[in-house]
mmCIF file of all heavy atoms, coordinates in Angstrom:
data_MODEL
# 
_entry.id   MODEL 
# 
loop_
_atom_site.group_PDB 
_atom_site.id 
_atom_site.type_symbol 
_atom_site.label_atom_id 
_atom_site.label_alt_id 
_atom_site.label_comp_id 
_atom_site.label_asym_id 
_atom_site.label_entity_id 
_atom_site.label_seq_id 
_atom_site.pdbx_PDB_ins_code 
_atom_site.Cartn_x 
_atom_site.Cartn_y 
_atom_site.Cartn_z 
_atom_site.occupancy 
_atom_site.B_iso_or_equiv 
_atom_site.pdbx_formal_charge 
_atom_site.auth_seq_id 
_atom_site.auth_comp_id 
_atom_site.auth_asym_id 
_atom_site.auth_atom_id 
_atom_site.pdbx_PDB_model_num 
ATOM 1   N N   . ASP A 1 1  ? -48.701 47.942 23.338 1.00 0.00 ? 1  ASP A N   1 
ATOM 2   C CA  . ASP A 1 1  ? -49.553 46.996 23.961 1.00 0.00 ? 1  ASP A CA  1 
ATOM 3   C C   . ASP A 1 1  ? -48.715 45.806 24.496 1.00 0.00 ? 1  ASP A C   1 
ATOM 4   O O   . ASP A 1 1  ? -47.734 45.469 23.917 1.00 0.00 ? 1  ASP A O   1 
ATOM 5   C CB  . ASP A 1 1  ? -50.626 46.463 23.028 1.00 0.00 ? 1  ASP A CB  1 
ATOM 6   C CG  . ASP A 1 1  ? -51.703 47.437 22.671 1.00 0.00 ? 1  ASP A CG  1 
ATOM 7   O OD1 . ASP A 1 1  ? -51.902 48.405 23.368 1.00 0.00 ? 1  ASP A OD1 1 
ATOM 8   O OD2 . ASP A 1 1  ? -52.303 47.237 21.562 1.00 0.00 ? 1  ASP A OD2 1 
ATOM 9   N N   . THR A 1 2  ? -49.216 45.267 25.573 1.00 0.00 ? 2  THR A N   1 
ATOM 10  C CA  . THR A 1 2  ? -48.672 44.035 26.101 1.00 0.00 ? 2  THR A CA  1 
ATOM 11  C C   . THR A 1 2  ? -49.414 42.856 25.350 1.00 0.00 ? 2  THR A C   1 
ATOM 12  O O   . THR A 1 2  ? -50.621 42.794 25.384 1.00 0.00 ? 2  THR A O   1 
ATOM 13  C CB  . THR A 1 2  ? -48.831 43.918 27.630 1.00 0.00 ? 2  THR A CB  1 
ATOM 14  O OG1 . THR A 1 2  ? -48.175 44.948 28.211 1.00 0.00 ? 2  THR A OG1 1 
ATOM 15  C CG2 . THR A 1 2  ? -48.353 42.587 28.061 1.00 0.00 ? 2  THR A CG2 1 
ATOM 16  N N   . ILE A 1 3  ? -48.641 41.987 24.683 1.00 0.00 ? 3  ILE A N   1 
ATOM 17  C CA  . ILE A 1 3  ? -49.222 41.061 23.719 1.00 0.00 ? 3  ILE A CA  1 
ATOM 18  C C   . ILE A 1 3  ? -49.001 39.659 24.182 1.00 0.00 ? 3  ILE A C   1 
ATOM 19  O O   . ILE A 1 3  ? -47.817 39.246 24.508 1.00 0.00 ? 3  ILE A O   1 
ATOM 20  C CB  . ILE A 1 3  ? -48.684 41.230 22.298 1.00 0.00 ? 3  ILE A CB  1 
ATOM 21  C CG1 . ILE A 1 3  ? -48.886 42.668 21.774 1.00 0.00 ? 3  ILE A CG1 1 
ATOM 22  C CG2 . ILE A 1 3  ? -49.235 40.205 21.356 1.00 0.00 ? 3  ILE A CG2 1 
ATOM 23  C CD1 . ILE A 1 3  ? -47.950 42.984 20.572 1.00 0.00 ? 3  ILE A CD1 1 
ATOM 24  N N   . ASP A 1 4  ? -50.020 38.839 24.299 1.00 0.00 ? 4  ASP A N   1 
ATOM 25  C CA  . ASP A 1 4  ? -49.898 37.412 24.675 1.00 0.00 ? 4  ASP A CA  1 
ATOM 26  C C   . ASP A 1 4  ? -50.621 36.583 23.585 1.00 0.00 ? 4  ASP A C   1 
ATOM 27  O O   . ASP A 1 4  ? -51.643 37.044 22.995 1.00 0.00 ? 4  ASP A O   1 
ATOM 28  C CB  . ASP A 1 4  ? -50.551 37.147 25.982 1.00 0.00 ? 4  ASP A CB  1 
ATOM 29  C CG  . ASP A 1 4  ? -49.840 37.783 27.168 1.00 0.00 ? 4  ASP A CG  1 
ATOM 30  O OD1 . ASP A 1 4  ? -48.645 37.451 27.330 1.00 0.00 ? 4  ASP A OD1 1 
ATOM 31  O OD2 . ASP A 1 4  ? -50.425 38.605 27.885 1.00 0.00 ? 4  ASP A OD2 1 
ATOM 32  N N   . VAL A 1 5  ? -50.098 35.427 23.376 1.00 0.00 ? 5  VAL A N   1 
ATOM 33  C CA  . VAL A 1 5  ? -50.773 34.462 22.511 1.00 0.00 ? 5  VAL A CA  1 
ATOM 34  C C   . VAL A 1 5  ? -51.163 33.262 23.359 1.00 0.00 ? 5  VAL A C   1 
ATOM 35  O O   . VAL A 1 5  ? -50.337 32.710 24.042 1.00 0.00 ? 5  VAL A O   1 
ATOM 36  C CB  . VAL A 1 5  ? -49.845 33.989 21.390 1.00 0.00 ? 5  VAL A CB  1 
ATOM 37  C CG1 . VAL A 1 5  ? -50.428 32.832 20.555 1.00 0.00 ? 5  VAL A CG1 1 
ATOM 38  C CG2 . VAL A 1 5  ? -49.514 35.162 20.421 1.00 0.00 ? 5  VAL A CG2 1 
ATOM 39  N N   . THR A 1 6  ? -52.410 32.816 23.232 1.00 0.00 ? 6  THR A N   1 
ATOM 40  C CA  . THR A 1 6  ? -52.875 31.590 23.870 1.00 0.00 ? 6  THR A CA  1 
ATOM 41  C C   . THR A 1 6  ? -52.977 30.535 22.775 1.00 0.00 ? 6  THR A C   1 
ATOM 42  O O   . THR A 1 6  ? -53.461 30.819 21.690 1.00 0.00 ? 6  THR A O   1 
ATOM 43  C CB  . THR A 1 6  ? -54.152 31.667 24.691 1.00 0.00 ? 6  THR A CB  1 
ATOM 44  O OG1 . THR A 1 6  ? -55.160 32.112 23.761 1.00 0.00 ? 6  THR A OG1 1 
ATOM 45  C CG2 . THR A 1 6  ? -54.036 32.649 25.756 1.00 0.00 ? 6  THR A CG2 1 
ATOM 46  N N   . THR A 1 7  ? -52.539 29.279 23.090 1.00 0.00 ? 7  THR A N   1 
ATOM 47  C CA  . THR A 1 7  ? -52.558 28.185 22.143 1.00 0.00 ? 7  THR A CA  1 
ATOM 48  C C   . THR A 1 7  ? -53.132 26.963 22.847 1.00 0.00 ? 7  THR A C   1 
ATOM 49  O O   . THR A 1 7  ? -52.684 26.640 23.982 1.00 0.00 ? 7  THR A O   1 
ATOM 50  C CB  . THR A 1 7  ? -51.200 27.858 21.582 1.00 0.00 ? 7  THR A CB  1 
ATOM 51  O OG1 . THR A 1 7  ? -50.568 29.047 21.042 1.00 0.00 ? 7  THR A OG1 1 
ATOM 52  C CG2 . THR A 1 7  ? -51.215 26.798 20.513 1.00 0.00 ? 7  THR A CG2 1 
ATOM 53  N N   . SER A 1 8  ? -54.086 26.251 22.259 1.00 0.00 ? 8  SER A N   1 
ATOM 54  C CA  . SER A 1 8  ? -54.577 25.036 22.745 1.00 0.00 ? 8  SER A CA  1 
ATOM 55  C C   . SER A 1 8  ? -54.926 24.074 21.549 1.00 0.00 ? 8  SER A C   1 
ATOM 56  O O   . SER A 1 8  ? -55.054 24.511 20.447 1.00 0.00 ? 8  SER A O   1 
ATOM 57  C CB  . SER A 1 8  ? -55.836 25.249 23.666 1.00 0.00 ? 8  SER A CB  1 
ATOM 58  O OG  . SER A 1 8  ? -56.781 25.902 22.933 1.00 0.00 ? 8  SER A OG  1 
ATOM 59  N N   . CYS A 1 9  ? -54.994 22.831 21.909 1.00 0.00 ? 9  CYS A N   1 
ATOM 60  C CA  . CYS A 1 9  ? -55.291 21.841 20.871 1.00 0.00 ? 9  CYS A CA  1 
ATOM 61  C C   . CYS A 1 9  ? -56.865 21.611 20.836 1.00 0.00 ? 9  CYS A C   1 
ATOM 62  O O   . CYS A 1 9  ? -57.449 21.262 21.830 1.00 0.00 ? 9  CYS A O   1 
ATOM 63  C CB  . CYS A 1 9  ? -54.629 20.477 21.199 1.00 0.00 ? 9  CYS A CB  1 
ATOM 64  S SG  . CYS A 1 9  ? -54.953 19.205 20.005 1.00 0.00 ? 9  CYS A SG  1 
ATOM 65  N N   . GLU A 1 10 ? -57.390 21.897 19.645 1.00 0.00 ? 10 GLU A N   1 
ATOM 66  C CA  . GLU A 1 10 ? -58.828 21.769 19.573 1.00 0.00 ? 10 GLU A CA  1 
ATOM 67  C C   . GLU A 1 10 ? -59.273 20.381 19.204 1.00 0.00 ? 10 GLU A C   1 
ATOM 68  O O   . GLU A 1 10 ? -60.315 19.872 19.510 1.00 0.00 ? 10 GLU A O   1 
ATOM 69  C CB  . GLU A 1 10 ? -59.339 22.803 18.543 1.00 0.00 ? 10 GLU A CB  1 
ATOM 70  C CG  . GLU A 1 10 ? -60.747 22.943 18.291 1.00 0.00 ? 10 GLU A CG  1 
ATOM 71  C CD  . GLU A 1 10 ? -61.141 24.058 17.378 1.00 0.00 ? 10 GLU A CD  1 
ATOM 72  O OE1 . GLU A 1 10 ? -60.675 24.106 16.256 1.00 0.00 ? 10 GLU A OE1 1 
ATOM 73  O OE2 . GLU A 1 10 ? -61.794 24.989 17.872 1.00 0.00 ? 10 GLU A OE2 1 
ATOM 74  N N   . LYS A 1 11 ? -58.366 19.669 18.342 1.00 0.00 ? 11 LYS A N   1 
ATOM 75  C CA  . LYS A 1 11 ? -58.785 18.409 17.902 1.00 0.00 ? 11 LYS A CA  1 
ATOM 76  C C   . LYS A 1 11 ? -57.533 17.627 17.417 1.00 0.00 ? 11 LYS A C   1 
ATOM 77  O O   . LYS A 1 11 ? -56.595 18.253 16.904 1.00 0.00 ? 11 LYS A O   1 
ATOM 78  C CB  . LYS A 1 11 ? -59.696 18.528 16.633 1.00 0.00 ? 11 LYS A CB  1 
ATOM 79  C CG  . LYS A 1 11 ? -60.125 17.255 15.923 1.00 0.00 ? 11 LYS A CG  1 
ATOM 80  C CD  . LYS A 1 11 ? -60.922 17.632 14.695 1.00 0.00 ? 11 LYS A CD  1 
ATOM 81  C CE  . LYS A 1 11 ? -61.191 16.346 13.945 1.00 0.00 ? 11 LYS A CE  1 
ATOM 82  N NZ  . LYS A 1 11 ? -61.858 16.569 12.599 1.00 0.00 ? 11 LYS A NZ  1 
ATOM 83  N N   . VAL A 1 12 ? -57.549 16.331 17.682 1.00 0.00 ? 12 VAL A N   1 
ATOM 84  C CA  . VAL A 1 12 ? -56.453 15.448 17.165 1.00 0.00 ? 12 VAL A CA  1 
ATOM 85  C C   . VAL A 1 12 ? -57.151 14.413 16.235 1.00 0.00 ? 12 VAL A C   1 
ATOM 86  O O   . VAL A 1 12 ? -58.032 13.714 16.709 1.00 0.00 ? 12 VAL A O   1 
ATOM 87  C CB  . VAL A 1 12 ? -55.628 14.777 18.235 1.00 0.00 ? 12 VAL A CB  1 
ATOM 88  C CG1 . VAL A 1 12 ? -54.595 13.862 17.653 1.00 0.00 ? 12 VAL A CG1 1 
ATOM 89  C CG2 . VAL A 1 12 ? -55.033 15.772 19.140 1.00 0.00 ? 12 VAL A CG2 1 
ATOM 90  N N   . GLY A 1 13 ? -56.780 14.426 14.939 1.00 0.00 ? 13 GLY A N   1 
ATOM 91  C CA  . GLY A 1 13 ? -57.340 13.462 13.991 1.00 0.00 ? 13 GLY A CA  1 
ATOM 92  C C   . GLY A 1 13 ? -56.397 12.280 13.899 1.00 0.00 ? 13 GLY A C   1 
ATOM 93  O O   . GLY A 1 13 ? -55.508 12.051 14.676 1.00 0.00 ? 13 GLY A O   1 
ATOM 94  N N   . ASN A 1 14 ? -56.604 11.519 12.746 1.00 0.00 ? 14 ASN A N   1 
ATOM 95  C CA  . ASN A 1 14 ? -55.643 10.382 12.525 1.00 0.00 ? 14 ASN A CA  1 
ATOM 96  C C   . ASN A 1 14 ? -54.248 10.856 12.180 1.00 0.00 ? 14 ASN A C   1 
ATOM 97  O O   . ASN A 1 14 ? -53.278 10.338 12.663 1.00 0.00 ? 14 ASN A O   1 
ATOM 98  C CB  . ASN A 1 14 ? -56.192 9.516  11.341 1.00 0.00 ? 14 ASN A CB  1 
ATOM 99  C CG  . ASN A 1 14 ? -57.394 8.802  11.801 1.00 0.00 ? 14 ASN A CG  1 
ATOM 100 O OD1 . ASN A 1 14 ? -57.592 8.481  12.961 1.00 0.00 ? 14 ASN A OD1 1 
ATOM 101 N ND2 . ASN A 1 14 ? -58.275 8.537  10.837 1.00 0.00 ? 14 ASN A ND2 1 
ATOM 102 N N   . LYS A 1 15 ? -54.165 11.898 11.291 1.00 0.00 ? 15 LYS A N   1 
ATOM 103 C CA  . LYS A 1 15 ? -52.891 12.421 10.877 1.00 0.00 ? 15 LYS A CA  1 
ATOM 104 C C   . LYS A 1 15 ? -52.723 13.904 11.076 1.00 0.00 ? 15 LYS A C   1 
ATOM 105 O O   . LYS A 1 15 ? -51.703 14.462 10.728 1.00 0.00 ? 15 LYS A O   1 
ATOM 106 C CB  . LYS A 1 15 ? -52.677 12.083 9.347  1.00 0.00 ? 15 LYS A CB  1 
ATOM 107 C CG  . LYS A 1 15 ? -52.578 10.664 8.914  1.00 0.00 ? 15 LYS A CG  1 
ATOM 108 C CD  . LYS A 1 15 ? -52.333 10.526 7.505  1.00 0.00 ? 15 LYS A CD  1 
ATOM 109 C CE  . LYS A 1 15 ? -52.103 9.001  7.182  1.00 0.00 ? 15 LYS A CE  1 
ATOM 110 N NZ  . LYS A 1 15 ? -51.674 8.905  5.777  1.00 0.00 ? 15 LYS A NZ  1 
ATOM 111 N N   . SER A 1 16 ? -53.715 14.544 11.721 1.00 0.00 ? 16 SER A N   1 
ATOM 112 C CA  . SER A 1 16 ? -53.673 15.992 11.828 1.00 0.00 ? 16 SER A CA  1 
ATOM 113 C C   . SER A 1 16 ? -53.927 16.479 13.170 1.00 0.00 ? 16 SER A C   1 
ATOM 114 O O   . SER A 1 16 ? -54.528 15.711 14.054 1.00 0.00 ? 16 SER A O   1 
ATOM 115 C CB  . SER A 1 16 ? -54.743 16.610 10.887 1.00 0.00 ? 16 SER A CB  1 
ATOM 116 O OG  . SER A 1 16 ? -56.067 16.281 11.273 1.00 0.00 ? 16 SER A OG  1 
ATOM 117 N N   . ILE A 1 17 ? -53.524 17.659 13.493 1.00 0.00 ? 17 ILE A N   1 
ATOM 118 C CA  . ILE A 1 17 ? -53.718 18.362 14.822 1.00 0.00 ? 17 ILE A CA  1 
ATOM 119 C C   . ILE A 1 17 ? -54.320 19.718 14.415 1.00 0.00 ? 17 ILE A C   1 
ATOM 120 O O   . ILE A 1 17 ? -53.769 20.390 13.585 1.00 0.00 ? 17 ILE A O   1 
ATOM 121 C CB  . ILE A 1 17 ? -52.420 18.468 15.569 1.00 0.00 ? 17 ILE A CB  1 
ATOM 122 C CG1 . ILE A 1 17 ? -51.749 17.104 15.854 1.00 0.00 ? 17 ILE A CG1 1 
ATOM 123 C CG2 . ILE A 1 17 ? -52.596 19.264 16.811 1.00 0.00 ? 17 ILE A CG2 1 
ATOM 124 C CD1 . ILE A 1 17 ? -50.337 17.131 16.287 1.00 0.00 ? 17 ILE A CD1 1 
ATOM 125 N N   . THR A 1 18 ? -55.371 20.099 15.134 1.00 0.00 ? 18 THR A N   1 
ATOM 126 C CA  . THR A 1 18 ? -55.944 21.431 14.902 1.00 0.00 ? 18 THR A CA  1 
ATOM 127 C C   . THR A 1 18 ? -55.738 22.240 16.143 1.00 0.00 ? 18 THR A C   1 
ATOM 128 O O   . THR A 1 18 ? -56.056 21.869 17.323 1.00 0.00 ? 18 THR A O   1 
ATOM 129 C CB  . THR A 1 18 ? -57.491 21.383 14.651 1.00 0.00 ? 18 THR A CB  1 
ATOM 130 O OG1 . THR A 1 18 ? -57.693 20.514 13.485 1.00 0.00 ? 18 THR A OG1 1 
ATOM 131 C CG2 . THR A 1 18 ? -58.031 22.748 14.431 1.00 0.00 ? 18 THR A CG2 1 
ATOM 132 N N   . LEU A 1 19 ? -55.040 23.402 16.026 1.00 0.00 ? 19 LEU A N   1 
ATOM 133 C CA  . LEU A 1 19 ? -54.716 24.263 17.145 1.00 0.00 ? 19 LEU A CA  1 
ATOM 134 C C   . LEU A 1 19 ? -55.657 25.458 17.019 1.00 0.00 ? 19 LEU A C   1 
ATOM 135 O O   . LEU A 1 19 ? -55.944 25.930 15.989 1.00 0.00 ? 19 LEU A O   1 
ATOM 136 C CB  . LEU A 1 19 ? -53.278 24.772 17.078 1.00 0.00 ? 19 LEU A CB  1 
ATOM 137 C CG  . LEU A 1 19 ? -52.173 23.734 17.269 1.00 0.00 ? 19 LEU A CG  1 
ATOM 138 C CD1 . LEU A 1 19 ? -50.825 24.392 17.293 1.00 0.00 ? 19 LEU A CD1 1 
ATOM 139 C CD2 . LEU A 1 19 ? -52.410 22.875 18.508 1.00 0.00 ? 19 LEU A CD2 1 
ATOM 140 N N   . ARG A 1 20 ? -56.093 26.001 18.204 1.00 0.00 ? 20 ARG A N   1 
ATOM 141 C CA  . ARG A 1 20 ? -56.804 27.148 18.310 1.00 0.00 ? 20 ARG A CA  1 
ATOM 142 C C   . ARG A 1 20 ? -55.966 28.242 19.015 1.00 0.00 ? 20 ARG A C   1 
ATOM 143 O O   . ARG A 1 20 ? -55.400 27.849 20.142 1.00 0.00 ? 20 ARG A O   1 
ATOM 144 C CB  . ARG A 1 20 ? -58.147 26.920 19.102 1.00 0.00 ? 20 ARG A CB  1 
ATOM 145 C CG  . ARG A 1 20 ? -58.904 28.261 19.313 1.00 0.00 ? 20 ARG A CG  1 
ATOM 146 C CD  . ARG A 1 20 ? -60.332 27.967 19.743 1.00 0.00 ? 20 ARG A CD  1 
ATOM 147 N NE  . ARG A 1 20 ? -61.035 29.052 20.200 1.00 0.00 ? 20 ARG A NE  1 
ATOM 148 C CZ  . ARG A 1 20 ? -61.437 30.057 19.450 1.00 0.00 ? 20 ARG A CZ  1 
ATOM 149 N NH1 . ARG A 1 20 ? -61.112 30.096 18.115 1.00 0.00 ? 20 ARG A NH1 1 
ATOM 150 N NH2 . ARG A 1 20 ? -62.059 31.034 19.934 1.00 0.00 ? 20 ARG A NH2 1 
ATOM 151 N N   . GLN A 1 21 ? -55.854 29.426 18.481 1.00 0.00 ? 21 GLN A N   1 
ATOM 152 C CA  . GLN A 1 21 ? -55.032 30.416 19.082 1.00 0.00 ? 21 GLN A CA  1 
ATOM 153 C C   . GLN A 1 21 ? -55.784 31.740 19.156 1.00 0.00 ? 21 GLN A C   1 
ATOM 154 O O   . GLN A 1 21 ? -56.662 32.022 18.406 1.00 0.00 ? 21 GLN A O   1 
ATOM 155 C CB  . GLN A 1 21 ? -53.748 30.629 18.248 1.00 0.00 ? 21 GLN A CB  1 
ATOM 156 C CG  . GLN A 1 21 ? -52.850 29.432 18.322 1.00 0.00 ? 21 GLN A CG  1 
ATOM 157 C CD  . GLN A 1 21 ? -51.547 29.641 17.522 1.00 0.00 ? 21 GLN A CD  1 
ATOM 158 O OE1 . GLN A 1 21 ? -51.524 29.613 16.316 1.00 0.00 ? 21 GLN A OE1 1 
ATOM 159 N NE2 . GLN A 1 21 ? -50.520 29.933 18.296 1.00 0.00 ? 21 GLN A NE2 1 
ATOM 160 N N   . GLN A 1 22 ? -55.393 32.559 20.085 1.00 0.00 ? 22 GLN A N   1 
ATOM 161 C CA  . GLN A 1 22 ? -55.891 33.909 20.245 1.00 0.00 ? 22 GLN A CA  1 
ATOM 162 C C   . GLN A 1 22 ? -54.663 34.828 20.560 1.00 0.00 ? 22 GLN A C   1 
ATOM 163 O O   . GLN A 1 22 ? -53.739 34.433 21.273 1.00 0.00 ? 22 GLN A O   1 
ATOM 164 C CB  . GLN A 1 22 ? -56.844 34.025 21.417 1.00 0.00 ? 22 GLN A CB  1 
ATOM 165 C CG  . GLN A 1 22 ? -58.142 33.220 21.113 1.00 0.00 ? 22 GLN A CG  1 
ATOM 166 C CD  . GLN A 1 22 ? -59.148 33.328 22.295 1.00 0.00 ? 22 GLN A CD  1 
ATOM 167 O OE1 . GLN A 1 22 ? -58.731 33.404 23.423 1.00 0.00 ? 22 GLN A OE1 1 
ATOM 168 N NE2 . GLN A 1 22 ? -60.417 33.484 21.915 1.00 0.00 ? 22 GLN A NE2 1 
ATOM 169 N N   . ILE A 1 23 ? -54.730 36.050 20.017 1.00 0.00 ? 23 ILE A N   1 
ATOM 170 C CA  . ILE A 1 23 ? -53.829 37.105 20.422 1.00 0.00 ? 23 ILE A CA  1 
ATOM 171 C C   . ILE A 1 23 ? -54.593 37.982 21.355 1.00 0.00 ? 23 ILE A C   1 
ATOM 172 O O   . ILE A 1 23 ? -55.656 38.490 20.992 1.00 0.00 ? 23 ILE A O   1 
ATOM 173 C CB  . ILE A 1 23 ? -53.243 37.843 19.184 1.00 0.00 ? 23 ILE A CB  1 
ATOM 174 C CG1 . ILE A 1 23 ? -52.456 36.950 18.271 1.00 0.00 ? 23 ILE A CG1 1 
ATOM 175 C CG2 . ILE A 1 23 ? -52.316 39.025 19.734 1.00 0.00 ? 23 ILE A CG2 1 
ATOM 176 C CD1 . ILE A 1 23 ? -51.967 37.603 17.040 1.00 0.00 ? 23 ILE A CD1 1 
ATOM 177 N N   . LEU A 1 24 ? -54.033 38.225 22.477 1.00 0.00 ? 24 LEU A N   1 
ATOM 178 C CA  . LEU A 1 24 ? -54.644 39.033 23.508 1.00 0.00 ? 24 LEU A CA  1 
ATOM 179 C C   . LEU A 1 24 ? -53.879 40.278 23.801 1.00 0.00 ? 24 LEU A C   1 
ATOM 180 O O   . LEU A 1 24 ? -52.664 40.241 23.853 1.00 0.00 ? 24 LEU A O   1 
ATOM 181 C CB  . LEU A 1 24 ? -54.823 38.247 24.809 1.00 0.00 ? 24 LEU A CB  1 
ATOM 182 C CG  . LEU A 1 24 ? -55.442 36.885 24.829 1.00 0.00 ? 24 LEU A CG  1 
ATOM 183 C CD1 . LEU A 1 24 ? -55.339 36.220 26.105 1.00 0.00 ? 24 LEU A CD1 1 
ATOM 184 C CD2 . LEU A 1 24 ? -56.894 37.015 24.480 1.00 0.00 ? 24 LEU A CD2 1 
ATOM 185 N N   . VAL A 1 25 ? -54.624 41.305 24.034 1.00 0.00 ? 25 VAL A N   1 
ATOM 186 C CA  . VAL A 1 25 ? -54.078 42.552 24.634 1.00 0.00 ? 25 VAL A CA  1 
ATOM 187 C C   . VAL A 1 25 ? -54.810 42.723 26.006 1.00 0.00 ? 25 VAL A C   1 
ATOM 188 O O   . VAL A 1 25 ? -56.012 42.918 26.048 1.00 0.00 ? 25 VAL A O   1 
ATOM 189 C CB  . VAL A 1 25 ? -54.243 43.822 23.787 1.00 0.00 ? 25 VAL A CB  1 
ATOM 190 C CG1 . VAL A 1 25 ? -53.796 45.037 24.479 1.00 0.00 ? 25 VAL A CG1 1 
ATOM 191 C CG2 . VAL A 1 25 ? -53.403 43.629 22.435 1.00 0.00 ? 25 VAL A CG2 1 
ATOM 192 N N   . GLY A 1 26 ? -54.031 42.449 27.088 1.00 0.00 ? 26 GLY A N   1 
ATOM 193 C CA  . GLY A 1 26 ? -54.719 42.342 28.337 1.00 0.00 ? 26 GLY A CA  1 
ATOM 194 C C   . GLY A 1 26 ? -55.678 41.096 28.298 1.00 0.00 ? 26 GLY A C   1 
ATOM 195 O O   . GLY A 1 26 ? -55.228 40.016 27.936 1.00 0.00 ? 26 GLY A O   1 
ATOM 196 N N   . ASP A 1 27 ? -56.938 41.301 28.643 1.00 0.00 ? 27 ASP A N   1 
ATOM 197 C CA  . ASP A 1 27 ? -57.908 40.179 28.585 1.00 0.00 ? 27 ASP A CA  1 
ATOM 198 C C   . ASP A 1 27 ? -58.751 40.188 27.252 1.00 0.00 ? 27 ASP A C   1 
ATOM 199 O O   . ASP A 1 27 ? -59.662 39.412 27.166 1.00 0.00 ? 27 ASP A O   1 
ATOM 200 C CB  . ASP A 1 27 ? -58.838 40.208 29.828 1.00 0.00 ? 27 ASP A CB  1 
ATOM 201 C CG  . ASP A 1 27 ? -58.098 39.887 31.056 1.00 0.00 ? 27 ASP A CG  1 
ATOM 202 O OD1 . ASP A 1 27 ? -57.164 39.120 31.042 1.00 0.00 ? 27 ASP A OD1 1 
ATOM 203 O OD2 . ASP A 1 27 ? -58.517 40.356 32.165 1.00 0.00 ? 27 ASP A OD2 1 
ATOM 204 N N   . GLU A 1 28 ? -58.443 41.176 26.414 1.00 0.00 ? 28 GLU A N   1 
ATOM 205 C CA  . GLU A 1 28 ? -59.302 41.381 25.243 1.00 0.00 ? 28 GLU A CA  1 
ATOM 206 C C   . GLU A 1 28 ? -58.697 40.683 24.051 1.00 0.00 ? 28 GLU A C   1 
ATOM 207 O O   . GLU A 1 28 ? -57.524 40.790 23.703 1.00 0.00 ? 28 GLU A O   1 
ATOM 208 C CB  . GLU A 1 28 ? -59.357 42.866 24.935 1.00 0.00 ? 28 GLU A CB  1 
ATOM 209 C CG  . GLU A 1 28 ? -60.356 43.172 23.796 1.00 0.00 ? 28 GLU A CG  1 
ATOM 210 C CD  . GLU A 1 28 ? -60.525 44.650 23.622 1.00 0.00 ? 28 GLU A CD  1 
ATOM 211 O OE1 . GLU A 1 28 ? -60.392 45.415 24.501 1.00 0.00 ? 28 GLU A OE1 1 
ATOM 212 O OE2 . GLU A 1 28 ? -60.790 45.031 22.421 1.00 0.00 ? 28 GLU A OE2 1 
ATOM 213 N N   . VAL A 1 29 ? -59.522 39.831 23.358 1.00 0.00 ? 29 VAL A N   1 
ATOM 214 C CA  . VAL A 1 29 ? -59.120 39.080 22.207 1.00 0.00 ? 29 VAL A CA  1 
ATOM 215 C C   . VAL A 1 29 ? -59.070 40.023 21.053 1.00 0.00 ? 29 VAL A C   1 
ATOM 216 O O   . VAL A 1 29 ? -60.036 40.670 20.683 1.00 0.00 ? 29 VAL A O   1 
ATOM 217 C CB  . VAL A 1 29 ? -60.084 37.908 21.890 1.00 0.00 ? 29 VAL A CB  1 
ATOM 218 C CG1 . VAL A 1 29 ? -59.673 37.222 20.621 1.00 0.00 ? 29 VAL A CG1 1 
ATOM 219 C CG2 . VAL A 1 29 ? -60.166 36.965 23.081 1.00 0.00 ? 29 VAL A CG2 1 
# 
């Protein structure tokens, strides 16, 4: 499979950062 990871910042708190990620094969999560 061709594998991609998407990463984005979901939230920034006072001392923390929450990242949301997905592993995709094509357009399918």
